[in-house]
Structure formats: C-alpha cells, structure tokens
Amino acid sequence: MKSAIITGAVLIVIGLALLGQYSYTTQESVFKLGPIQATAEKTHTFSAPPELSWALIAGGAIVLIFGATRKR
C-alpha cells in the first residue's frame, strides 16, 4: 500500500513538472584560428506534450487513490 501511495505521488509531481516550458543555453564554437576563438550562445527550449503531463497526473491520482483505499 505504501509503495502505491509513493508511486502515485511521484507520478503527480513529474506530471506537474512537465507542464512548464524549460530553456537552457549552450555555447558553440563558431570560429577558431589559433588562439583566436569566437563562440555563440544558443538557447534551446524543451516542452513536453500537455497530454503526457495530464496523463501522468491522472494516472498518479488513480494510483494514489487506489493505494490509499485498498485494504490489506
């Protein structure tokens, strides 16, 4: 029972985390000639499909309710 409650809570947290849009920046070497180097920063954006996020939240809620109501 306890593992079902923990699993349900983890699924809900992951689903909530995936609802947002995240971005990160990387540096790329554009030009390099001996000691002279030019770099450019490139921003990447990641977002999960909202259907996946809501499915994780709903699945987590079902597992959480099932784990809380099930008798030993």
PDB file of N, CA and C in Angstrom:
ATOM      1  N   MET A   1       0.822  -1.192   0.000  1.00  0.00           N
ATOM      2  CA  MET A   1       0.000   0.000   0.000  1.00  0.00           C
ATOM      3  C   MET A   1       0.864   1.252   0.000  1.00  0.00           C
ATOM      4  N   LYS A   2       1.888   1.239   0.842  1.00  0.00           N
ATOM      5  CA  LYS A   2       2.723   2.420   0.957  1.00  0.00           C
ATOM      6  C   LYS A   2       3.450   2.707  -0.352  1.00  0.00           C
ATOM      7  N   SER A   3       3.863   1.659  -1.055  1.00  0.00           N
ATOM      8  CA  SER A   3       4.576   1.874  -2.316  1.00  0.00           C
ATOM      9  C   SER A   3       3.639   2.450  -3.381  1.00  0.00           C
ATOM     10  N   ALA A   4       2.367   2.083  -3.358  1.00  0.00           N
ATOM     11  CA  ALA A   4       1.409   2.639  -4.313  1.00  0.00           C
ATOM     12  C   ALA A   4       1.186   4.128  -4.040  1.00  0.00           C
ATOM     13  N   ILE A   5       1.135   4.507  -2.788  1.00  0.00           N
ATOM     14  CA  ILE A   5       0.961   5.913  -2.443  1.00  0.00           C
ATOM     15  C   ILE A   5       2.167   6.727  -2.891  1.00  0.00           C
ATOM     16  N   ILE A   6       3.367   6.200  -2.648  1.00  0.00           N
ATOM     17  CA  ILE A   6       4.590   6.893  -3.062  1.00  0.00           C
ATOM     18  C   ILE A   6       4.663   6.988  -4.580  1.00  0.00           C
ATOM     19  N   THR A   7       4.337   5.899  -5.270  1.00  0.00           N
ATOM     20  CA  THR A   7       4.365   5.899  -6.737  1.00  0.00           C
ATOM     21  C   THR A   7       3.370   6.910  -7.300  1.00  0.00           C
ATOM     22  N   GLY A   8       2.176   6.958  -6.751  1.00  0.00           N
ATOM     23  CA  GLY A   8       1.174   7.913  -7.201  1.00  0.00           C
ATOM     24  C   GLY A   8       1.616   9.356  -6.998  1.00  0.00           C
ATOM     25  N   ALA A   9       2.212   9.624  -5.849  1.00  0.00           N
ATOM     26  CA  ALA A   9       2.686  10.980  -5.564  1.00  0.00           C
ATOM     27  C   ALA A   9       3.825  11.369  -6.508  1.00  0.00           C
ATOM     28  N   VAL A  10       4.724  10.434  -6.792  1.00  0.00           N
ATOM     29  CA  VAL A  10       5.839  10.717  -7.709  1.00  0.00           C
ATOM     30  C   VAL A  10       5.316  10.991  -9.116  1.00  0.00           C
ATOM     31  N   LEU A  11       4.340  10.219  -9.576  1.00  0.00           N
ATOM     32  CA  LEU A  11       3.760  10.450 -10.898  1.00  0.00           C
ATOM     33  C   LEU A  11       3.103  11.826 -10.995  1.00  0.00           C
ATOM     34  N   ILE A  12       2.422  12.235  -9.944  1.00  0.00           N
ATOM     35  CA  ILE A  12       1.783  13.549  -9.937  1.00  0.00           C
ATOM     36  C   ILE A  12       2.827  14.657  -9.988  1.00  0.00           C
ATOM     37  N   VAL A  13       3.893  14.521  -9.210  1.00  0.00           N
ATOM     38  CA  VAL A  13       4.945  15.542  -9.195  1.00  0.00           C
ATOM     39  C   VAL A  13       5.627  15.638 -10.561  1.00  0.00           C
ATOM     40  N   ILE A  14       5.915  14.498 -11.184  1.00  0.00           N
ATOM     41  CA  ILE A  14       6.542  14.506 -12.508  1.00  0.00           C
ATOM     42  C   ILE A  14       5.602  15.149 -13.529  1.00  0.00           C
ATOM     43  N   GLY A  15       4.322  14.822 -13.473  1.00  0.00           N
ATOM     44  CA  GLY A  15       3.348  15.421 -14.382  1.00  0.00           C
ATOM     45  C   GLY A  15       3.257  16.926 -14.220  1.00  0.00           C
ATOM     46  N   LEU A  16       3.275  17.403 -12.983  1.00  0.00           N
ATOM     47  CA  LEU A  16       3.232  18.842 -12.740  1.00  0.00           C
ATOM     48  C   LEU A  16       4.499  19.525 -13.236  1.00  0.00           C
ATOM     49  N   ALA A  17       5.640  18.877 -13.058  1.00  0.00           N
ATOM     50  CA  ALA A  17       6.908  19.450 -13.515  1.00  0.00           C
ATOM     51  C   ALA A  17       6.959  19.554 -15.038  1.00  0.00           C
ATOM     52  N   LEU A  18       6.346  18.608 -15.732  1.00  0.00           N
ATOM     53  CA  LEU A  18       6.378  18.617 -17.195  1.00  0.00           C
ATOM     54  C   LEU A  18       5.380  19.593 -17.814  1.00  0.00           C
ATOM     55  N   LEU A  19       4.509  20.194 -17.018  1.00  0.00           N
ATOM     56  CA  LEU A  19       3.548  21.152 -17.560  1.00  0.00           C
ATOM     57  C   LEU A  19       4.213  22.442 -18.034  1.00  0.00           C
ATOM     58  N   GLY A  20       5.371  22.765 -17.479  1.00  0.00           N
ATOM     59  CA  GLY A  20       6.038  24.009 -17.839  1.00  0.00           C
ATOM     60  C   GLY A  20       6.893  23.885 -19.086  1.00  0.00           C
ATOM     61  N   GLN A  21       7.490  24.995 -19.465  1.00  0.00           N
ATOM     62  CA  GLN A  21       8.399  25.040 -20.604  1.00  0.00           C
ATOM     63  C   GLN A  21       9.758  25.466 -20.065  1.00  0.00           C
ATOM     64  N   TYR A  22      10.792  24.719 -20.405  1.00  0.00           N
ATOM     65  CA  TYR A  22      12.117  24.959 -19.874  1.00  0.00           C
ATOM     66  C   TYR A  22      13.074  25.315 -21.003  1.00  0.00           C
ATOM     67  N   SER A  23      14.023  26.183 -20.702  1.00  0.00           N
ATOM     68  CA  SER A  23      15.021  26.539 -21.699  1.00  0.00           C
ATOM     69  C   SER A  23      16.404  26.498 -21.048  1.00  0.00           C
ATOM     70  N   TYR A  24      17.394  26.217 -21.867  1.00  0.00           N
ATOM     71  CA  TYR A  24      18.771  26.203 -21.417  1.00  0.00           C
ATOM     72  C   TYR A  24      19.661  26.748 -22.526  1.00  0.00           C
ATOM     73  N   THR A  25      20.837  27.226 -22.151  1.00  0.00           N
ATOM     74  CA  THR A  25      21.738  27.875 -23.088  1.00  0.00           C
ATOM     75  C   THR A  25      23.027  27.071 -23.205  1.00  0.00           C
ATOM     76  N   THR A  26      23.500  26.905 -24.434  1.00  0.00           N
ATOM     77  CA  THR A  26      24.784  26.245 -24.688  1.00  0.00           C
ATOM     78  C   THR A  26      25.671  27.202 -25.471  1.00  0.00           C
ATOM     79  N   GLN A  27      26.961  26.961 -25.371  1.00  0.00           N
ATOM     80  CA  GLN A  27      27.913  27.756 -26.130  1.00  0.00           C
ATOM     81  C   GLN A  27      28.503  26.899 -27.241  1.00  0.00           C
ATOM     82  N   GLU A  28      28.510  27.458 -28.441  1.00  0.00           N
ATOM     83  CA  GLU A  28      29.066  26.767 -29.592  1.00  0.00           C
ATOM     84  C   GLU A  28      30.247  27.551 -30.122  1.00  0.00           C
ATOM     85  N   SER A  29      31.267  26.826 -30.525  1.00  0.00           N
ATOM     86  CA  SER A  29      32.428  27.460 -31.131  1.00  0.00           C
ATOM     87  C   SER A  29      32.098  27.764 -32.587  1.00  0.00           C
ATOM     88  N   VAL A  30      32.121  29.042 -32.942  1.00  0.00           N
ATOM     89  CA  VAL A  30      31.769  29.465 -34.286  1.00  0.00           C
ATOM     90  C   VAL A  30      33.016  29.580 -35.162  1.00  0.00           C
ATOM     91  N   PHE A  31      34.079  30.087 -34.571  1.00  0.00           N
ATOM     92  CA  PHE A  31      35.290  30.353 -35.331  1.00  0.00           C
ATOM     93  C   PHE A  31      36.493  30.127 -34.433  1.00  0.00           C
ATOM     94  N   LYS A  32      37.497  29.434 -34.945  1.00  0.00           N
ATOM     95  CA  LYS A  32      38.698  29.201 -34.166  1.00  0.00           C
ATOM     96  C   LYS A  32      39.887  29.235 -35.114  1.00  0.00           C
ATOM     97  N   LEU A  33      40.796  30.152 -34.855  1.00  0.00           N
ATOM     98  CA  LEU A  33      42.004  30.283 -35.650  1.00  0.00           C
ATOM     99  C   LEU A  33      43.155  30.521 -34.686  1.00  0.00           C
ATOM    100  N   GLY A  34      43.880  29.456 -34.387  1.00  0.00           N
ATOM    101  CA  GLY A  34      44.963  29.548 -33.409  1.00  0.00           C
ATOM    102  C   GLY A  34      44.405  29.923 -32.051  1.00  0.00           C
ATOM    103  N   PRO A  35      44.952  30.972 -31.424  1.00  0.00           N
ATOM    104  CA  PRO A  35      44.457  31.373 -30.100  1.00  0.00           C
ATOM    105  C   PRO A  35      43.184  32.214 -30.168  1.00  0.00           C
ATOM    106  N   ILE A  36      42.783  32.610 -31.355  1.00  0.00           N
ATOM    107  CA  ILE A  36      41.577  33.432 -31.508  1.00  0.00           C
ATOM    108  C   ILE A  36      40.369  32.511 -31.654  1.00  0.00           C
ATOM    109  N   GLN A  37      39.367  32.772 -30.839  1.00  0.00           N
ATOM    110  CA  GLN A  37      38.184  31.914 -30.841  1.00  0.00           C
ATOM    111  C   GLN A  37      36.937  32.766 -30.669  1.00  0.00           C
ATOM    112  N   ALA A  38      35.908  32.461 -31.425  1.00  0.00           N
ATOM    113  CA  ALA A  38      34.622  33.143 -31.294  1.00  0.00           C
ATOM    114  C   ALA A  38      33.569  32.096 -30.945  1.00  0.00           C
ATOM    115  N   THR A  39      32.765  32.413 -29.955  1.00  0.00           N
ATOM    116  CA  THR A  39      31.694  31.498 -29.542  1.00  0.00           C
ATOM    117  C   THR A  39      30.355  32.217 -29.642  1.00  0.00           C
ATOM    118  N   ALA A  40      29.329  31.433 -29.767  1.00  0.00           N
ATOM    119  CA  ALA A  40      27.965  31.970 -29.803  1.00  0.00           C
ATOM    120  C   ALA A  40      27.108  31.194 -28.815  1.00  0.00           C
ATOM    121  N   GLU A  41      26.245  31.907 -28.138  1.00  0.00           N
ATOM    122  CA  GLU A  41      25.318  31.260 -27.211  1.00  0.00           C
ATOM    123  C   GLU A  41      24.040  30.909 -27.960  1.00  0.00           C
ATOM    124  N   LYS A  42      23.581  29.690 -27.751  1.00  0.00           N
ATOM    125  CA  LYS A  42      22.363  29.233 -28.417  1.00  0.00           C
ATOM    126  C   LYS A  42      21.376  28.774 -27.348  1.00  0.00           C
ATOM    127  N   THR A  43      20.160  29.256 -27.420  1.00  0.00           N
ATOM    128  CA  THR A  43      19.129  28.911 -26.446  1.00  0.00           C
ATOM    129  C   THR A  43      18.259  27.787 -27.009  1.00  0.00           C
ATOM    130  N   HIS A  44      18.099  26.743 -26.209  1.00  0.00           N
ATOM    131  CA  HIS A  44      17.263  25.605 -26.572  1.00  0.00           C
ATOM    132  C   HIS A  44      16.050  25.596 -25.650  1.00  0.00           C
ATOM    133  N   THR A  45      14.905  25.238 -26.183  1.00  0.00           N
ATOM    134  CA  THR A  45      13.673  25.185 -25.406  1.00  0.00           C
ATOM    135  C   THR A  45      13.119  23.770 -25.427  1.00  0.00           C
ATOM    136  N   PHE A  46      12.674  23.303 -24.256  1.00  0.00           N
ATOM    137  CA  PHE A  46      12.084  21.980 -24.128  1.00  0.00           C
ATOM    138  C   PHE A  46      10.707  22.116 -23.505  1.00  0.00           C
ATOM    139  N   SER A  47       9.743  21.465 -24.120  1.00  0.00           N
ATOM    140  CA  SER A  47       8.416  21.385 -23.517  1.00  0.00           C
ATOM    141  C   SER A  47       7.808  20.030 -23.887  1.00  0.00           C
ATOM    142  N   ALA A  48       7.245  19.380 -22.895  1.00  0.00           N
ATOM    143  CA  ALA A  48       6.612  18.077 -23.111  1.00  0.00           C
ATOM    144  C   ALA A  48       5.186  18.300 -23.611  1.00  0.00           C
ATOM    145  N   PRO A  49       4.644  17.334 -24.321  1.00  0.00           N
ATOM    146  CA  PRO A  49       3.249  17.473 -24.744  1.00  0.00           C
ATOM    147  C   PRO A  49       2.319  17.549 -23.526  1.00  0.00           C
ATOM    148  N   PRO A  50       1.359  18.466 -23.543  1.00  0.00           N
ATOM    149  CA  PRO A  50       0.469  18.599 -22.387  1.00  0.00           C
ATOM    150  C   PRO A  50      -0.337  17.330 -22.114  1.00  0.00           C
ATOM    151  N   GLU A  51      -0.622  16.557 -23.171  1.00  0.00           N
ATOM    152  CA  GLU A  51      -1.372  15.313 -22.965  1.00  0.00           C
ATOM    153  C   GLU A  51      -0.588  14.348 -22.080  1.00  0.00           C
ATOM    154  N   LEU A  52       0.722  14.306 -22.261  1.00  0.00           N
ATOM    155  CA  LEU A  52       1.562  13.445 -21.430  1.00  0.00           C
ATOM    156  C   LEU A  52       1.532  13.899 -19.983  1.00  0.00           C
ATOM    157  N   SER A  53       1.632  15.194 -19.776  1.00  0.00           N
ATOM    158  CA  SER A  53       1.609  15.733 -18.411  1.00  0.00           C
ATOM    159  C   SER A  53       0.298  15.410 -17.708  1.00  0.00           C
ATOM    160  N   TRP A  54      -0.808  15.647 -18.403  1.00  0.00           N
ATOM    161  CA  TRP A  54      -2.109  15.375 -17.784  1.00  0.00           C
ATOM    162  C   TRP A  54      -2.334  13.884 -17.574  1.00  0.00           C
ATOM    163  N   ALA A  55      -1.818  13.054 -18.469  1.00  0.00           N
ATOM    164  CA  ALA A  55      -1.951  11.608 -18.298  1.00  0.00           C
ATOM    165  C   ALA A  55      -1.168  11.147 -17.061  1.00  0.00           C
ATOM    166  N   LEU A  56       0.023  11.704 -16.851  1.00  0.00           N
ATOM    167  CA  LEU A  56       0.797  11.353 -15.655  1.00  0.00           C
ATOM    168  C   LEU A  56       0.087  11.805 -14.386  1.00  0.00           C
ATOM    169  N   ILE A  57      -0.491  12.993 -14.410  1.00  0.00           N
ATOM    170  CA  ILE A  57      -1.204  13.491 -13.233  1.00  0.00           C
ATOM    171  C   ILE A  57      -2.430  12.618 -12.949  1.00  0.00           C
ATOM    172  N   ALA A  58      -3.206  12.296 -13.972  1.00  0.00           N
ATOM    173  CA  ALA A  58      -4.396  11.463 -13.779  1.00  0.00           C
ATOM    174  C   ALA A  58      -4.016  10.057 -13.331  1.00  0.00           C
ATOM    175  N   GLY A  59      -2.997   9.480 -13.956  1.00  0.00           N
ATOM    176  CA  GLY A  59      -2.547   8.147 -13.555  1.00  0.00           C
ATOM    177  C   GLY A  59      -2.037   8.130 -12.127  1.00  0.00           C
ATOM    178  N   GLY A  60      -1.299   9.164 -11.760  1.00  0.00           N
ATOM    179  CA  GLY A  60      -0.812   9.264 -10.386  1.00  0.00           C
ATOM    180  C   GLY A  60      -1.945   9.395  -9.387  1.00  0.00           C
ATOM    181  N   ALA A  61      -2.977  10.151  -9.746  1.00  0.00           N
ATOM    182  CA  ALA A  61      -4.129  10.297  -8.847  1.00  0.00           C
ATOM    183  C   ALA A  61      -4.864   8.971  -8.680  1.00  0.00           C
ATOM    184  N   ILE A  62      -5.000   8.230  -9.771  1.00  0.00           N
ATOM    185  CA  ILE A  62      -5.669   6.926  -9.683  1.00  0.00           C
ATOM    186  C   ILE A  62      -4.875   5.966  -8.818  1.00  0.00           C
ATOM    187  N   VAL A  63      -3.566   5.909  -9.028  1.00  0.00           N
ATOM    188  CA  VAL A  63      -2.719   5.014  -8.224  1.00  0.00           C
ATOM    189  C   VAL A  63      -2.738   5.450  -6.765  1.00  0.00           C
ATOM    190  N   LEU A  64      -2.712   6.752  -6.514  1.00  0.00           N
ATOM    191  CA  LEU A  64      -2.728   7.272  -5.147  1.00  0.00           C
ATOM    192  C   LEU A  64      -4.030   6.910  -4.442  1.00  0.00           C
ATOM    193  N   ILE A  65      -5.152   7.098  -5.105  1.00  0.00           N
ATOM    194  CA  ILE A  65      -6.452   6.756  -4.518  1.00  0.00           C
ATOM    195  C   ILE A  65      -6.568   5.250  -4.307  1.00  0.00           C
ATOM    196  N   PHE A  66      -6.128   4.473  -5.301  1.00  0.00           N
ATOM    197  CA  PHE A  66      -6.172   3.017  -5.182  1.00  0.00           C
ATOM    198  C   PHE A  66      -5.319   2.539  -4.005  1.00  0.00           C
ATOM    199  N   GLY A  67      -4.132   3.112  -3.856  1.00  0.00           N
ATOM    200  CA  GLY A  67      -3.261   2.715  -2.751  1.00  0.00           C
ATOM    201  C   GLY A  67      -3.776   3.133  -1.401  1.00  0.00           C
ATOM    202  N   ALA A  68      -4.489   4.245  -1.329  1.00  0.00           N
ATOM    203  CA  ALA A  68      -4.997   4.734  -0.056  1.00  0.00           C
ATOM    204  C   ALA A  68      -6.262   3.996   0.384  1.00  0.00           C
ATOM    205  N   THR A  69      -7.065   3.546  -0.572  1.00  0.00           N
ATOM    206  CA  THR A  69      -8.328   2.905  -0.219  1.00  0.00           C
ATOM    207  C   THR A  69      -8.265   1.390  -0.143  1.00  0.00           C
ATOM    208  N   ARG A  70      -7.235   0.810  -0.667  1.00  0.00           N
ATOM    209  CA  ARG A  70      -7.150  -0.658  -0.696  1.00  0.00           C
ATOM    210  C   ARG A  70      -6.849  -1.190   0.705  1.00  0.00           C
ATOM    211  N   LYS A  71      -7.573  -2.252   1.083  1.00  0.00           N
ATOM    212  CA  LYS A  71      -7.378  -2.867   2.389  1.00  0.00           C
ATOM    213  C   LYS A  71      -6.296  -3.936   2.282  1.00  0.00           C
ATOM    214  N   ARG A  72      -5.680  -4.220   3.383  1.00  0.00           N
ATOM    215  CA  ARG A  72      -4.638  -5.243   3.419  1.00  0.00           C
ATOM    216  C   ARG A  72      -5.264  -6.554   3.326  1.00  0.00           C
TER     217      ARG A  72
END
